[in-house]
């Protein structure tokens, strides 16, 4: 592969070999990936095209919170119980291994 060539605003485009001579130049009406990403960013609240982007951070955060699929109380409680059980079980296993290794150490080096 060839090295990336820097663009005006610090972006880089990777020059890949083309499959045929007809594919060597892309049509002008196609947008580059960078242009498509910039366009998608500008559509959202607080995008690069929004002059009040710094004041809309809380509005954007609230919109994101509204889009989250929150678990039910029962599902959250069940998941919390599973996590606590795993932590308690891991603690028991690690304390047991520590006790055995401590007893072996005391016997050998005691």
C-alpha atoms as a PDB file:
ATOM      1  CA  UNK A   1       0.000   0.000   0.000  1.00  0.00           C
ATOM      2  CA  UNK A   2       1.033   3.561  -0.542  1.00  0.00           C
ATOM      3  CA  UNK A   3       1.473   6.185   2.158  1.00  0.00           C
ATOM      4  CA  UNK A   4      -1.383   8.505   3.069  1.00  0.00           C
ATOM      5  CA  UNK A   5      -1.355  11.968   1.523  1.00  0.00           C
ATOM      6  CA  UNK A   6      -2.261  14.889   3.855  1.00  0.00           C
ATOM      7  CA  UNK A   7      -5.186  17.128   2.894  1.00  0.00           C
ATOM      8  CA  UNK A   8      -5.956  20.764   3.718  1.00  0.00           C
ATOM      9  CA  UNK A   9      -7.614  20.298   7.123  1.00  0.00           C
ATOM     10  CA  UNK A  10      -5.252  17.645   8.449  1.00  0.00           C
ATOM     11  CA  UNK A  11      -7.284  14.692   7.126  1.00  0.00           C
ATOM     12  CA  UNK A  12      -5.591  11.858   5.292  1.00  0.00           C
ATOM     13  CA  UNK A  13      -6.809   9.769   2.386  1.00  0.00           C
ATOM     14  CA  UNK A  14      -5.249   6.388   1.713  1.00  0.00           C
ATOM     15  CA  UNK A  15      -4.341   5.934  -1.947  1.00  0.00           C
ATOM     16  CA  UNK A  16      -5.365   2.404  -2.919  1.00  0.00           C
ATOM     17  CA  UNK A  17      -4.514   0.771  -6.248  1.00  0.00           C
ATOM     18  CA  UNK A  18      -7.455   0.759  -8.651  1.00  0.00           C
ATOM     19  CA  UNK A  19      -8.893  -2.422 -10.168  1.00  0.00           C
ATOM     20  CA  UNK A  20      -8.894  -1.121 -13.726  1.00  0.00           C
ATOM     21  CA  UNK A  21      -8.100   2.004 -15.711  1.00  0.00           C
ATOM     22  CA  UNK A  22     -11.797   2.947 -15.862  1.00  0.00           C
ATOM     23  CA  UNK A  23     -11.939   3.002 -12.040  1.00  0.00           C
ATOM     24  CA  UNK A  24      -8.848   5.235 -11.744  1.00  0.00           C
ATOM     25  CA  UNK A  25     -10.887   8.413 -11.324  1.00  0.00           C
ATOM     26  CA  UNK A  26     -14.054   8.661  -9.253  1.00  0.00           C
ATOM     27  CA  UNK A  27     -16.937  10.739 -10.600  1.00  0.00           C
ATOM     28  CA  UNK A  28     -17.154  14.241  -9.175  1.00  0.00           C
ATOM     29  CA  UNK A  29     -20.760  13.818  -7.992  1.00  0.00           C
ATOM     30  CA  UNK A  30     -19.742  11.081  -5.502  1.00  0.00           C
ATOM     31  CA  UNK A  31     -18.889  12.410  -2.056  1.00  0.00           C
ATOM     32  CA  UNK A  32     -15.784  11.285  -0.232  1.00  0.00           C
ATOM     33  CA  UNK A  33     -16.128   9.396   3.047  1.00  0.00           C
ATOM     34  CA  UNK A  34     -14.883  12.447   4.959  1.00  0.00           C
ATOM     35  CA  UNK A  35     -17.550  14.629   3.358  1.00  0.00           C
ATOM     36  CA  UNK A  36     -20.252  12.093   4.210  1.00  0.00           C
ATOM     37  CA  UNK A  37     -19.114  11.926   7.861  1.00  0.00           C
ATOM     38  CA  UNK A  38     -18.962  15.733   8.118  1.00  0.00           C
ATOM     39  CA  UNK A  39     -22.472  15.957   6.645  1.00  0.00           C
ATOM     40  CA  UNK A  40     -23.839  13.439   9.163  1.00  0.00           C
ATOM     41  CA  UNK A  41     -22.188  15.290  12.069  1.00  0.00           C
ATOM     42  CA  UNK A  42     -23.687  18.593  10.961  1.00  0.00           C
ATOM     43  CA  UNK A  43     -27.209  17.135  10.903  1.00  0.00           C
ATOM     44  CA  UNK A  44     -27.181  16.431  14.665  1.00  0.00           C
ATOM     45  CA  UNK A  45     -27.571  18.922  17.528  1.00  0.00           C
ATOM     46  CA  UNK A  46     -24.249  20.492  18.456  1.00  0.00           C
ATOM     47  CA  UNK A  47     -22.617  19.505  15.176  1.00  0.00           C
ATOM     48  CA  UNK A  48     -19.656  21.296  13.650  1.00  0.00           C
ATOM     49  CA  UNK A  49     -21.986  23.538  11.641  1.00  0.00           C
ATOM     50  CA  UNK A  50     -23.923  24.671  14.721  1.00  0.00           C
ATOM     51  CA  UNK A  51     -22.660  28.035  16.037  1.00  0.00           C
ATOM     52  CA  UNK A  52     -24.161  27.367  19.488  1.00  0.00           C
ATOM     53  CA  UNK A  53     -22.540  23.917  19.839  1.00  0.00           C
ATOM     54  CA  UNK A  54     -21.034  24.643  23.268  1.00  0.00           C
ATOM     55  CA  UNK A  55     -24.389  25.780  24.713  1.00  0.00           C
ATOM     56  CA  UNK A  56     -26.253  22.740  23.327  1.00  0.00           C
ATOM     57  CA  UNK A  57     -24.169  20.071  25.084  1.00  0.00           C
ATOM     58  CA  UNK A  58     -26.863  19.478  27.703  1.00  0.00           C
ATOM     59  CA  UNK A  59     -29.626  19.425  25.091  1.00  0.00           C
ATOM     60  CA  UNK A  60     -27.645  16.832  23.126  1.00  0.00           C
ATOM     61  CA  UNK A  61     -27.047  14.778  26.270  1.00  0.00           C
ATOM     62  CA  UNK A  62     -30.765  14.789  27.084  1.00  0.00           C
ATOM     63  CA  UNK A  63     -31.598  13.694  23.537  1.00  0.00           C
ATOM     64  CA  UNK A  64     -29.122  10.817  23.826  1.00  0.00           C
ATOM     65  CA  UNK A  65     -30.639   9.776  27.175  1.00  0.00           C
ATOM     66  CA  UNK A  66     -34.030   9.670  25.482  1.00  0.00           C
ATOM     67  CA  UNK A  67     -32.696   7.347  22.769  1.00  0.00           C
ATOM     68  CA  UNK A  68     -31.253   4.808  25.228  1.00  0.00           C
ATOM     69  CA  UNK A  69     -33.223   1.589  25.670  1.00  0.00           C
ATOM     70  CA  UNK A  70     -33.325   1.373  29.463  1.00  0.00           C
ATOM     71  CA  UNK A  71     -33.792  -2.004  31.177  1.00  0.00           C
ATOM     72  CA  UNK A  72     -36.812  -2.696  33.336  1.00  0.00           C
ATOM     73  CA  UNK A  73     -36.394  -2.551  37.115  1.00  0.00           C
ATOM     74  CA  UNK A  74     -36.617  -6.343  37.322  1.00  0.00           C
ATOM     75  CA  UNK A  75     -33.933  -6.867  34.676  1.00  0.00           C
ATOM     76  CA  UNK A  76     -31.626  -4.341  36.352  1.00  0.00           C
ATOM     77  CA  UNK A  77     -32.145  -6.016  39.743  1.00  0.00           C
ATOM     78  CA  UNK A  78     -31.469  -9.453  38.248  1.00  0.00           C
ATOM     79  CA  UNK A  79     -28.254  -8.259  36.572  1.00  0.00           C
ATOM     80  CA  UNK A  80     -27.133  -6.583  39.808  1.00  0.00           C
ATOM     81  CA  UNK A  81     -27.753  -9.824  41.713  1.00  0.00           C
ATOM     82  CA  UNK A  82     -25.696 -11.801  39.201  1.00  0.00           C
ATOM     83  CA  UNK A  83     -22.799  -9.346  39.462  1.00  0.00           C
ATOM     84  CA  UNK A  84     -22.865  -9.429  43.283  1.00  0.00           C
ATOM     85  CA  UNK A  85     -22.957 -13.264  43.246  1.00  0.00           C
ATOM     86  CA  UNK A  86     -19.940 -13.385  40.912  1.00  0.00           C
ATOM     87  CA  UNK A  87     -17.999 -10.956  43.115  1.00  0.00           C
ATOM     88  CA  UNK A  88     -18.803 -12.933  46.289  1.00  0.00           C
ATOM     89  CA  UNK A  89     -17.928 -16.235  44.595  1.00  0.00           C
ATOM     90  CA  UNK A  90     -14.653 -14.848  43.255  1.00  0.00           C
ATOM     91  CA  UNK A  91     -13.811 -13.499  46.699  1.00  0.00           C
ATOM     92  CA  UNK A  92     -14.425 -16.920  48.281  1.00  0.00           C
ATOM     93  CA  UNK A  93     -12.253 -18.681  45.675  1.00  0.00           C
ATOM     94  CA  UNK A  94      -9.392 -16.181  45.967  1.00  0.00           C
ATOM     95  CA  UNK A  95      -9.434 -16.228  49.794  1.00  0.00           C
ATOM     96  CA  UNK A  96      -9.393 -20.044  49.716  1.00  0.00           C
ATOM     97  CA  UNK A  97      -6.420 -20.133  47.322  1.00  0.00           C
ATOM     98  CA  UNK A  98      -4.661 -17.508  49.460  1.00  0.00           C
ATOM     99  CA  UNK A  99      -5.210 -19.571  52.635  1.00  0.00           C
ATOM    100  CA  UNK A 100      -3.869 -22.740  51.001  1.00  0.00           C
ATOM    101  CA  UNK A 101      -0.814 -20.946  49.633  1.00  0.00           C
ATOM    102  CA  UNK A 102      -0.222 -19.295  53.004  1.00  0.00           C
ATOM    103  CA  UNK A 103      -0.337 -22.674  54.783  1.00  0.00           C
ATOM    104  CA  UNK A 104       2.068 -24.185  52.233  1.00  0.00           C
ATOM    105  CA  UNK A 105       4.384 -21.197  52.612  1.00  0.00           C
ATOM    106  CA  UNK A 106       4.342 -21.467  56.433  1.00  0.00           C
ATOM    107  CA  UNK A 107       5.119 -25.195  56.217  1.00  0.00           C
ATOM    108  CA  UNK A 108       7.998 -24.771  53.772  1.00  0.00           C
ATOM    109  CA  UNK A 109       9.588 -21.581  55.111  1.00  0.00           C
ATOM    110  CA  UNK A 110       8.104 -21.481  58.614  1.00  0.00           C
END
